[in-house]
Amino acid sequence: MLVAAVTIGVGLVCLLYGARSLRVGRAVRRLAGSGPDDSSSPGDATDWLGPVDEGPVEPRETVLERGSIERGVGLLVLGAVCLLFGILAV
């Protein structure tokens, strides 16, 4: 029973972080202007914020190359497998 509870917990955490990673990847793509329904320039989405001092900003290529999409999909698959094994262990 303890193994099932731990496995289900790990599965839920993996699903949470996988979904977060995919949301970040989607937002970066939208800001970079590579989305399929992009009808405006990339800067229009955040122009209303005004100048914000965030420290050193990484170039878009670095942010896109981090692999957040691959990491998100991997975490979602791992979470689904953990949930499956957790349910089977009960």
PDB file of N, CA and C in Angstrom:
ATOM      1  N   MET A   1       0.811  -1.194   0.000  1.00  0.00           N
ATOM      2  CA  MET A   1       0.000   0.000   0.000  1.00  0.00           C
ATOM      3  C   MET A   1       0.857   1.262   0.000  1.00  0.00           C
ATOM      4  N   LEU A   2       1.975   1.200   0.742  1.00  0.00           N
ATOM      5  CA  LEU A   2       2.883   2.349   0.791  1.00  0.00           C
ATOM      6  C   LEU A   2       3.521   2.590  -0.571  1.00  0.00           C
ATOM      7  N   VAL A   3       3.889   1.513  -1.253  1.00  0.00           N
ATOM      8  CA  VAL A   3       4.492   1.646  -2.587  1.00  0.00           C
ATOM      9  C   VAL A   3       3.501   2.276  -3.555  1.00  0.00           C
ATOM     10  N   ALA A   4       2.244   1.884  -3.482  1.00  0.00           N
ATOM     11  CA  ALA A   4       1.221   2.456  -4.358  1.00  0.00           C
ATOM     12  C   ALA A   4       1.037   3.938  -4.081  1.00  0.00           C
ATOM     13  N   ALA A   5       1.012   4.322  -2.815  1.00  0.00           N
ATOM     14  CA  ALA A   5       0.837   5.734  -2.463  1.00  0.00           C
ATOM     15  C   ALA A   5       2.014   6.580  -2.945  1.00  0.00           C
ATOM     16  N   VAL A   6       3.226   6.081  -2.761  1.00  0.00           N
ATOM     17  CA  VAL A   6       4.409   6.822  -3.209  1.00  0.00           C
ATOM     18  C   VAL A   6       4.431   6.923  -4.730  1.00  0.00           C
ATOM     19  N   THR A   7       4.098   5.851  -5.412  1.00  0.00           N
ATOM     20  CA  THR A   7       4.098   5.850  -6.871  1.00  0.00           C
ATOM     21  C   THR A   7       3.048   6.805  -7.418  1.00  0.00           C
ATOM     22  N   ILE A   8       1.877   6.815  -6.827  1.00  0.00           N
ATOM     23  CA  ILE A   8       0.830   7.745  -7.268  1.00  0.00           C
ATOM     24  C   ILE A   8       1.253   9.186  -6.984  1.00  0.00           C
ATOM     25  N   GLY A   9       1.876   9.429  -5.841  1.00  0.00           N
ATOM     26  CA  GLY A   9       2.363  10.775  -5.527  1.00  0.00           C
ATOM     27  C   GLY A   9       3.421  11.249  -6.505  1.00  0.00           C
ATOM     28  N   VAL A  10       4.371  10.377  -6.825  1.00  0.00           N
ATOM     29  CA  VAL A  10       5.408  10.739  -7.795  1.00  0.00           C
ATOM     30  C   VAL A  10       4.784  10.982  -9.162  1.00  0.00           C
ATOM     31  N   GLY A  11       3.800  10.181  -9.537  1.00  0.00           N
ATOM     32  CA  GLY A  11       3.121  10.372 -10.810  1.00  0.00           C
ATOM     33  C   GLY A  11       2.413  11.712 -10.891  1.00  0.00           C
ATOM     34  N   LEU A  12       1.745  12.091  -9.820  1.00  0.00           N
ATOM     35  CA  LEU A  12       1.058  13.388  -9.813  1.00  0.00           C
ATOM     36  C   LEU A  12       2.036  14.549  -9.880  1.00  0.00           C
ATOM     37  N   VAL A  13       3.159  14.439  -9.184  1.00  0.00           N
ATOM     38  CA  VAL A  13       4.174  15.500  -9.225  1.00  0.00           C
ATOM     39  C   VAL A  13       4.771  15.609 -10.624  1.00  0.00           C
ATOM     40  N   CYS A  14       5.039  14.465 -11.262  1.00  0.00           N
ATOM     41  CA  CYS A  14       5.560  14.483 -12.631  1.00  0.00           C
ATOM     42  C   CYS A  14       4.557  15.113 -13.595  1.00  0.00           C
ATOM     43  N   LEU A  15       3.289  14.789 -13.438  1.00  0.00           N
ATOM     44  CA  LEU A  15       2.268  15.398 -14.291  1.00  0.00           C
ATOM     45  C   LEU A  15       2.191  16.906 -14.083  1.00  0.00           C
ATOM     46  N   LEU A  16       2.299  17.348 -12.845  1.00  0.00           N
ATOM     47  CA  LEU A  16       2.264  18.778 -12.551  1.00  0.00           C
ATOM     48  C   LEU A  16       3.424  19.509 -13.211  1.00  0.00           C
ATOM     49  N   TYR A  17       4.645  19.006 -13.010  1.00  0.00           N
ATOM     50  CA  TYR A  17       5.810  19.674 -13.583  1.00  0.00           C
ATOM     51  C   TYR A  17       5.850  19.554 -15.100  1.00  0.00           C
ATOM     52  N   GLY A  18       5.352  18.464 -15.654  1.00  0.00           N
ATOM     53  CA  GLY A  18       5.278  18.326 -17.103  1.00  0.00           C
ATOM     54  C   GLY A  18       4.329  19.337 -17.716  1.00  0.00           C
ATOM     55  N   ALA A  19       3.183  19.523 -17.090  1.00  0.00           N
ATOM     56  CA  ALA A  19       2.224  20.510 -17.587  1.00  0.00           C
ATOM     57  C   ALA A  19       2.778  21.920 -17.474  1.00  0.00           C
ATOM     58  N   ARG A  20       3.480  22.200 -16.392  1.00  0.00           N
ATOM     59  CA  ARG A  20       4.107  23.517 -16.233  1.00  0.00           C
ATOM     60  C   ARG A  20       5.150  23.765 -17.312  1.00  0.00           C
ATOM     61  N   SER A  21       5.942  22.764 -17.604  1.00  0.00           N
ATOM     62  CA  SER A  21       6.991  22.903 -18.602  1.00  0.00           C
ATOM     63  C   SER A  21       6.402  23.149 -19.979  1.00  0.00           C
ATOM     64  N   LEU A  22       5.329  22.492 -20.292  1.00  0.00           N
ATOM     65  CA  LEU A  22       4.694  22.705 -21.592  1.00  0.00           C
ATOM     66  C   LEU A  22       4.062  24.083 -21.693  1.00  0.00           C
ATOM     67  N   ARG A  23       3.512  24.583 -20.608  1.00  0.00           N
ATOM     68  CA  ARG A  23       2.957  25.936 -20.625  1.00  0.00           C
ATOM     69  C   ARG A  23       4.038  26.975 -20.851  1.00  0.00           C
ATOM     70  N   VAL A  24       5.190  26.797 -20.240  1.00  0.00           N
ATOM     71  CA  VAL A  24       6.294  27.730 -20.421  1.00  0.00           C
ATOM     72  C   VAL A  24       6.770  27.692 -21.864  1.00  0.00           C
ATOM     73  N   GLY A  25       6.888  26.514 -22.431  1.00  0.00           N
ATOM     74  CA  GLY A  25       7.316  26.393 -23.819  1.00  0.00           C
ATOM     75  C   GLY A  25       6.343  27.058 -24.776  1.00  0.00           C
ATOM     76  N   ARG A  26       5.051  26.898 -24.515  1.00  0.00           N
ATOM     77  CA  ARG A  26       4.033  27.520 -25.364  1.00  0.00           C
ATOM     78  C   ARG A  26       4.097  29.038 -25.267  1.00  0.00           C
ATOM     79  N   ALA A  27       4.308  29.560 -24.056  1.00  0.00           N
ATOM     80  CA  ALA A  27       4.385  31.009 -23.877  1.00  0.00           C
ATOM     81  C   ALA A  27       5.616  31.584 -24.570  1.00  0.00           C
ATOM     82  N   VAL A  28       6.743  30.893 -24.501  1.00  0.00           N
ATOM     83  CA  VAL A  28       7.950  31.371 -25.165  1.00  0.00           C
ATOM     84  C   VAL A  28       7.755  31.374 -26.674  1.00  0.00           C
ATOM     85  N   ARG A  29       7.141  30.323 -27.210  1.00  0.00           N
ATOM     86  CA  ARG A  29       6.878  30.293 -28.649  1.00  0.00           C
ATOM     87  C   ARG A  29       5.946  31.419 -29.061  1.00  0.00           C
ATOM     88  N   ARG A  30       4.942  31.697 -28.236  1.00  0.00           N
ATOM     89  CA  ARG A  30       3.997  32.764 -28.564  1.00  0.00           C
ATOM     90  C   ARG A  30       4.700  34.118 -28.563  1.00  0.00           C
ATOM     91  N   LEU A  31       5.567  34.343 -27.582  1.00  0.00           N
ATOM     92  CA  LEU A  31       6.294  35.610 -27.537  1.00  0.00           C
ATOM     93  C   LEU A  31       7.322  35.711 -28.654  1.00  0.00           C
ATOM     94  N   ALA A  32       7.884  34.588 -29.050  1.00  0.00           N
ATOM     95  CA  ALA A  32       8.870  34.592 -30.131  1.00  0.00           C
ATOM     96  C   ALA A  32       8.205  34.791 -31.493  1.00  0.00           C
ATOM     97  N   GLY A  33       6.890  34.617 -31.556  1.00  0.00           N
ATOM     98  CA  GLY A  33       6.180  34.851 -32.807  1.00  0.00           C
ATOM     99  C   GLY A  33       6.142  33.651 -33.727  1.00  0.00           C
ATOM    100  N   SER A  34       6.367  32.450 -33.197  1.00  0.00           N
ATOM    101  CA  SER A  34       6.347  31.267 -34.053  1.00  0.00           C
ATOM    102  C   SER A  34       5.062  30.482 -33.922  1.00  0.00           C
ATOM    103  N   GLY A  35       4.043  31.069 -33.317  1.00  0.00           N
ATOM    104  CA  GLY A  35       2.772  30.382 -33.160  1.00  0.00           C
ATOM    105  C   GLY A  35       2.002  30.367 -34.454  1.00  0.00           C
ATOM    106  N   PRO A  36       1.106  29.387 -34.636  1.00  0.00           N
ATOM    107  CA  PRO A  36       0.360  29.278 -35.884  1.00  0.00           C
ATOM    108  C   PRO A  36      -0.647  30.405 -36.089  1.00  0.00           C
ATOM    109  N   ASP A  37      -1.181  30.965 -35.022  1.00  0.00           N
ATOM    110  CA  ASP A  37      -2.187  32.016 -35.169  1.00  0.00           C
ATOM    111  C   ASP A  37      -1.624  33.374 -34.797  1.00  0.00           C
ATOM    112  N   ASP A  38      -0.355  33.599 -35.041  1.00  0.00           N
ATOM    113  CA  ASP A  38       0.291  34.860 -34.681  1.00  0.00           C
ATOM    114  C   ASP A  38      -0.037  35.903 -35.729  1.00  0.00           C
ATOM    115  N   SER A  39      -0.769  36.936 -35.330  1.00  0.00           N
ATOM    116  CA  SER A  39      -1.128  37.996 -36.262  1.00  0.00           C
ATOM    117  C   SER A  39      -0.534  39.335 -35.871  1.00  0.00           C
ATOM    118  N   SER A  40       0.256  39.372 -34.817  1.00  0.00           N
ATOM    119  CA  SER A  40       0.870  40.615 -34.384  1.00  0.00           C
ATOM    120  C   SER A  40       2.364  40.405 -34.210  1.00  0.00           C
ATOM    121  N   SER A  41       3.040  41.507 -33.971  1.00  0.00           N
ATOM    122  CA  SER A  41       4.481  41.398 -33.767  1.00  0.00           C
ATOM    123  C   SER A  41       4.762  40.812 -32.393  1.00  0.00           C
ATOM    124  N   PRO A  42       5.944  40.206 -32.174  1.00  0.00           N
ATOM    125  CA  PRO A  42       6.231  39.512 -30.916  1.00  0.00           C
ATOM    126  C   PRO A  42       6.186  40.399 -29.680  1.00  0.00           C
ATOM    127  N   GLY A  43       6.483  41.668 -29.799  1.00  0.00           N
ATOM    128  CA  GLY A  43       6.539  42.522 -28.626  1.00  0.00           C
ATOM    129  C   GLY A  43       5.201  43.058 -28.174  1.00  0.00           C
ATOM    130  N   ASP A  44       4.152  42.950 -28.987  1.00  0.00           N
ATOM    131  CA  ASP A  44       2.861  43.545 -28.654  1.00  0.00           C
ATOM    132  C   ASP A  44       2.221  42.936 -27.413  1.00  0.00           C
ATOM    133  N   ALA A  45       2.497  41.683 -27.112  1.00  0.00           N
ATOM    134  CA  ALA A  45       1.837  41.014 -25.994  1.00  0.00           C
ATOM    135  C   ALA A  45       2.276  41.568 -24.650  1.00  0.00           C
ATOM    136  N   THR A  46       3.473  42.131 -24.564  1.00  0.00           N
ATOM    137  CA  THR A  46       3.977  42.615 -23.273  1.00  0.00           C
ATOM    138  C   THR A  46       4.288  44.097 -23.282  1.00  0.00           C
ATOM    139  N   ASP A  47       3.868  44.833 -24.301  1.00  0.00           N
ATOM    140  CA  ASP A  47       4.164  46.266 -24.353  1.00  0.00           C
ATOM    141  C   ASP A  47       3.504  47.036 -23.222  1.00  0.00           C
ATOM    142  N   TRP A  48       2.376  46.583 -22.752  1.00  0.00           N
ATOM    143  CA  TRP A  48       1.654  47.306 -21.713  1.00  0.00           C
ATOM    144  C   TRP A  48       2.342  47.217 -20.361  1.00  0.00           C
ATOM    145  N   LEU A  49       3.281  46.292 -20.193  1.00  0.00           N
ATOM    146  CA  LEU A  49       3.962  46.144 -18.912  1.00  0.00           C
ATOM    147  C   LEU A  49       4.905  47.298 -18.614  1.00  0.00           C
ATOM    148  N   GLY A  50       5.461  47.896 -19.641  1.00  0.00           N
ATOM    149  CA  GLY A  50       6.432  48.955 -19.432  1.00  0.00           C
ATOM    150  C   GLY A  50       7.803  48.387 -19.138  1.00  0.00           C
ATOM    151  N   PRO A  51       8.766  49.249 -18.876  1.00  0.00           N
ATOM    152  CA  PRO A  51      10.117  48.749 -18.613  1.00  0.00           C
ATOM    153  C   PRO A  51      10.200  48.054 -17.253  1.00  0.00           C
ATOM    154  N   VAL A  52      10.781  46.884 -17.265  1.00  0.00           N
ATOM    155  CA  VAL A  52      10.956  46.113 -16.043  1.00  0.00           C
ATOM    156  C   VAL A  52      12.416  45.726 -15.954  1.00  0.00           C
ATOM    157  N   ASP A  53      13.015  45.936 -14.797  1.00  0.00           N
ATOM    158  CA  ASP A  53      14.404  45.583 -14.607  1.00  0.00           C
ATOM    159  C   ASP A  53      14.475  44.139 -14.115  1.00  0.00           C
ATOM    160  N   GLU A  54      14.728  43.210 -15.027  1.00  0.00           N
ATOM    161  CA  GLU A  54      14.780  41.801 -14.677  1.00  0.00           C
ATOM    162  C   GLU A  54      16.205  41.275 -14.614  1.00  0.00           C
ATOM    163  N   GLY A  55      17.171  42.126 -14.752  1.00  0.00           N
ATOM    164  CA  GLY A  55      18.552  41.665 -14.770  1.00  0.00           C
ATOM    165  C   GLY A  55      18.937  41.250 -16.176  1.00  0.00           C
ATOM    166  N   PRO A  56      19.993  40.469 -16.297  1.00  0.00           N
ATOM    167  CA  PRO A  56      20.420  40.049 -17.644  1.00  0.00           C
ATOM    168  C   PRO A  56      19.386  39.133 -18.290  1.00  0.00           C
ATOM    169  N   VAL A  57      19.032  39.440 -19.518  1.00  0.00           N
ATOM    170  CA  VAL A  57      18.021  38.677 -20.244  1.00  0.00           C
ATOM    171  C   VAL A  57      18.730  37.769 -21.240  1.00  0.00           C
ATOM    172  N   GLU A  58      18.324  36.513 -21.275  1.00  0.00           N
ATOM    173  CA  GLU A  58      18.907  35.566 -22.217  1.00  0.00           C
ATOM    174  C   GLU A  58      18.295  35.775 -23.594  1.00  0.00           C
ATOM    175  N   PRO A  59      19.056  35.539 -24.632  1.00  0.00           N
ATOM    176  CA  PRO A  59      18.473  35.617 -25.975  1.00  0.00           C
ATOM    177  C   PRO A  59      17.417  34.532 -26.168  1.00  0.00           C
ATOM    178  N   ARG A  60      16.502  34.778 -27.109  1.00  0.00           N
ATOM    179  CA  ARG A  60      15.392  33.840 -27.334  1.00  0.00           C
ATOM    180  C   ARG A  60      15.884  32.471 -27.749  1.00  0.00           C
ATOM    181  N   GLU A  61      16.975  32.398 -28.508  1.00  0.00           N
ATOM    182  CA  GLU A  61      17.471  31.103 -28.953  1.00  0.00           C
ATOM    183  C   GLU A  61      17.851  30.232 -27.763  1.00  0.00           C
ATOM    184  N   THR A  62      18.441  30.851 -26.727  1.00  0.00           N
ATOM    185  CA  THR A  62      18.836  30.092 -25.548  1.00  0.00           C
ATOM    186  C   THR A  62      17.613  29.556 -24.823  1.00  0.00           C
ATOM    187  N   VAL A  63      16.580  30.365 -24.700  1.00  0.00           N
ATOM    188  CA  VAL A  63      15.364  29.936 -24.013  1.00  0.00           C
ATOM    189  C   VAL A  63      14.675  28.831 -24.799  1.00  0.00           C
ATOM    190  N   LEU A  64      14.636  28.952 -26.118  1.00  0.00           N
ATOM    191  CA  LEU A  64      13.975  27.937 -26.936  1.00  0.00           C
ATOM    192  C   LEU A  64      14.763  26.632 -26.983  1.00  0.00           C
ATOM    193  N   GLU A  65      16.083  26.710 -26.836  1.00  0.00           N
ATOM    194  CA  GLU A  65      16.903  25.507 -26.927  1.00  0.00           C
ATOM    195  C   GLU A  65      16.957  24.724 -25.617  1.00  0.00           C
ATOM    196  N   ARG A  66      16.341  25.187 -24.597  1.00  0.00           N
ATOM    197  CA  ARG A  66      16.380  24.493 -23.306  1.00  0.00           C
ATOM    198  C   ARG A  66      15.686  23.147 -23.347  1.00  0.00           C
ATOM    199  N   GLY A  67      14.815  22.963 -24.281  1.00  0.00           N
ATOM    200  CA  GLY A  67      14.141  21.677 -24.401  1.00  0.00           C
ATOM    201  C   GLY A  67      12.976  21.534 -23.445  1.00  0.00           C
ATOM    202  N   SER A  68      12.265  22.608 -23.175  1.00  0.00           N
ATOM    203  CA  SER A  68      11.158  22.499 -22.234  1.00  0.00           C
ATOM    204  C   SER A  68      10.028  21.641 -22.789  1.00  0.00           C
ATOM    205  N   ILE A  69       9.897  21.591 -24.095  1.00  0.00           N
ATOM    206  CA  ILE A  69       8.845  20.762 -24.681  1.00  0.00           C
ATOM    207  C   ILE A  69       9.177  19.287 -24.477  1.00  0.00           C
ATOM    208  N   GLU A  70      10.435  18.922 -24.762  1.00  0.00           N
ATOM    209  CA  GLU A  70      10.835  17.528 -24.578  1.00  0.00           C
ATOM    210  C   GLU A  70      10.765  17.132 -23.112  1.00  0.00           C
ATOM    211  N   ARG A  71      11.194  18.019 -22.254  1.00  0.00           N
ATOM    212  CA  ARG A  71      11.148  17.735 -20.819  1.00  0.00           C
ATOM    213  C   ARG A  71       9.706  17.585 -20.357  1.00  0.00           C
ATOM    214  N   GLY A  72       8.823  18.443 -20.835  1.00  0.00           N
ATOM    215  CA  GLY A  72       7.418  18.374 -20.447  1.00  0.00           C
ATOM    216  C   GLY A  72       6.752  17.096 -20.896  1.00  0.00           C
ATOM    217  N   VAL A  73       7.000  16.698 -22.146  1.00  0.00           N
ATOM    218  CA  VAL A  73       6.410  15.461 -22.650  1.00  0.00           C
ATOM    219  C   VAL A  73       6.973  14.261 -21.888  1.00  0.00           C
ATOM    220  N   GLY A  74       8.282  14.281 -21.629  1.00  0.00           N
ATOM    221  CA  GLY A  74       8.889  13.192 -20.874  1.00  0.00           C
ATOM    222  C   GLY A  74       8.313  13.072 -19.476  1.00  0.00           C
ATOM    223  N   LEU A  75       8.113  14.208 -18.813  1.00  0.00           N
ATOM    224  CA  LEU A  75       7.533  14.175 -17.474  1.00  0.00           C
ATOM    225  C   LEU A  75       6.080  13.712 -17.494  1.00  0.00           C
ATOM    226  N   LEU A  76       5.331  14.112 -18.527  1.00  0.00           N
ATOM    227  CA  LEU A  76       3.950  13.657 -18.628  1.00  0.00           C
ATOM    228  C   LEU A  76       3.874  12.144 -18.835  1.00  0.00           C
ATOM    229  N   VAL A  77       4.744  11.611 -19.678  1.00  0.00           N
ATOM    230  CA  VAL A  77       4.759  10.162 -19.907  1.00  0.00           C
ATOM    231  C   VAL A  77       5.176   9.432 -18.637  1.00  0.00           C
ATOM    232  N   LEU A  78       6.231   9.925 -17.971  1.00  0.00           N
ATOM    233  CA  LEU A  78       6.676   9.300 -16.731  1.00  0.00           C
ATOM    234  C   LEU A  78       5.581   9.360 -15.666  1.00  0.00           C
ATOM    235  N   GLY A  79       4.872  10.482 -15.576  1.00  0.00           N
ATOM    236  CA  GLY A  79       3.779  10.603 -14.618  1.00  0.00           C
ATOM    237  C   GLY A  79       2.655   9.635 -14.909  1.00  0.00           C
ATOM    238  N   ALA A  80       2.324   9.471 -16.200  1.00  0.00           N
ATOM    239  CA  ALA A  80       1.262   8.531 -16.563  1.00  0.00           C
ATOM    240  C   ALA A  80       1.662   7.093 -16.236  1.00  0.00           C
ATOM    241  N   VAL A  81       2.919   6.748 -16.492  1.00  0.00           N
ATOM    242  CA  VAL A  81       3.387   5.389 -16.187  1.00  0.00           C
ATOM    243  C   VAL A  81       3.382   5.154 -14.680  1.00  0.00           C
ATOM    244  N   CYS A  82       3.833   6.151 -13.912  1.00  0.00           N
ATOM    245  CA  CYS A  82       3.821   6.005 -12.449  1.00  0.00           C
ATOM    246  C   CYS A  82       2.394   5.855 -11.921  1.00  0.00           C
ATOM    247  N   LEU A  83       1.466   6.640 -12.448  1.00  0.00           N
ATOM    248  CA  LEU A  83       0.071   6.493 -12.015  1.00  0.00           C
ATOM    249  C   LEU A  83      -0.482   5.117 -12.373  1.00  0.00           C
ATOM    250  N   LEU A  84      -0.139   4.631 -13.556  1.00  0.00           N
ATOM    251  CA  LEU A  84      -0.608   3.314 -13.969  1.00  0.00           C
ATOM    252  C   LEU A  84      -0.085   2.243 -13.022  1.00  0.00           C
ATOM    253  N   PHE A  85       1.213   2.277 -12.714  1.00  0.00           N
ATOM    254  CA  PHE A  85       1.786   1.286 -11.813  1.00  0.00           C
ATOM    255  C   PHE A  85       1.250   1.454 -10.384  1.00  0.00           C
ATOM    256  N   GLY A  86       0.986   2.694  -9.981  1.00  0.00           N
ATOM    257  CA  GLY A  86       0.415   2.913  -8.666  1.00  0.00           C
ATOM    258  C   GLY A  86      -0.978   2.341  -8.541  1.00  0.00           C
ATOM    259  N   ILE A  87      -1.772   2.508  -9.582  1.00  0.00           N
ATOM    260  CA  ILE A  87      -3.137   1.963  -9.567  1.00  0.00           C
ATOM    261  C   ILE A  87      -3.101   0.446  -9.613  1.00  0.00           C
ATOM    262  N   LEU A  88      -2.163  -0.111 -10.409  1.00  0.00           N
ATOM    263  CA  LEU A  88      -2.051  -1.565 -10.479  1.00  0.00           C
ATOM    264  C   LEU A  88      -1.544  -2.151  -9.149  1.00  0.00           C
ATOM    265  N   ALA A  89      -0.761  -1.380  -8.401  1.00  0.00           N
ATOM    266  CA  ALA A  89      -0.227  -1.870  -7.126  1.00  0.00           C
ATOM    267  C   ALA A  89      -1.272  -1.892  -6.024  1.00  0.00           C
ATOM    268  N   VAL A  90      -2.336  -1.134  -6.199  1.00  0.00           N
ATOM    269  CA  VAL A  90      -3.389  -1.130  -5.191  1.00  0.00           C
ATOM    270  C   VAL A  90      -4.158  -2.389  -5.328  1.00  0.00           C
TER     271      VAL A  90
END
